[in-house]
């Protein structure tokens, strides 16, 4: 892989520090469960599948102690992959072997998602994506960008439009950087430009990742995703979600019950030491929003494609 977001060294987990991309490619060494939890909380590593993989190695570093599980579980609340990975580790006899297996399985899962999803991407498609659901958000290859990669590898002449993804700029900093590594044509836009481009016929479809998918098909993803789904429906464009089965949460009946993380005000009032908002201004910073299932054209996972997802369709998928 050209991009390796997590590296296990036997006595430590090395994480590609995504706060410093694209200017610097630096790995942060984590030698304890608490260090991994801090790295997840501080966005050194981000993206639901990557968080789950990192947490698994955090358990290894914490030698399976309950305090390790507790610290990791508190790191971020929305991405269900974190809790899925912790629960899987609880049932493991060999913690290190289980974490290594989980990492390898994630890459295989992403490639399967890409293979299924590539069938949805027509020749010449201009694809809008939001946030970063690529190799950086997973163990490697990616979910939404995995679909893009698979279509590109199949020889289709596609291009990507990446929204900047305020306030943390994952699209501007990470997605565009990934696409450059793969020589996939990409154009960066601000979040507010998507509707204009759709109205001019310059976007053919939207594909995003997910942090948690409720039992009825409602999708929690990076803030701004819901807006794009509404715009896609208005302009009769397909809106696809690519995510592994580990992102599905059958215990959450619908999206209204998904916990939404509220992050620091400083992420909105400025960035990397620069400040543009006046002191004392009230700030809201929900990191995620929920897109109703009725706005989702299809969900792509490693088991296949679920068109027009609903509770019955997802139950059948999980049983298959």
Foldseek 3Di string as FASTA:
>chain_A
DLDAQWDDDPQWIWGQQLLPFDVDGDTDTGRALLSLLVCLLVPRAAAQARLLLSLLVNCVSHVNDPVSLVSSPPSDAFQLSNVVSSVVQVPDPDSVVSSVVSLVVFVVFQLLLLVQLLVVADAAAEEEEEADQAQRNHSHGGWQVVVVVSNVVVPGQYAYEYELQPLSRRRPGPVVVVCVVVVHHYHYDHLVCVLVCLVVVNHAAYEYEARAAELFGKTKDFPSLQVVLVSCVVSVHAYEYTYAPSRYDDVHHHDVPRDWDWDDQCSVQDGDPDGDDDPPDDDTGTGIDIHGLQSHQWYGTSQHIQGSGGNVSVVVSVVD
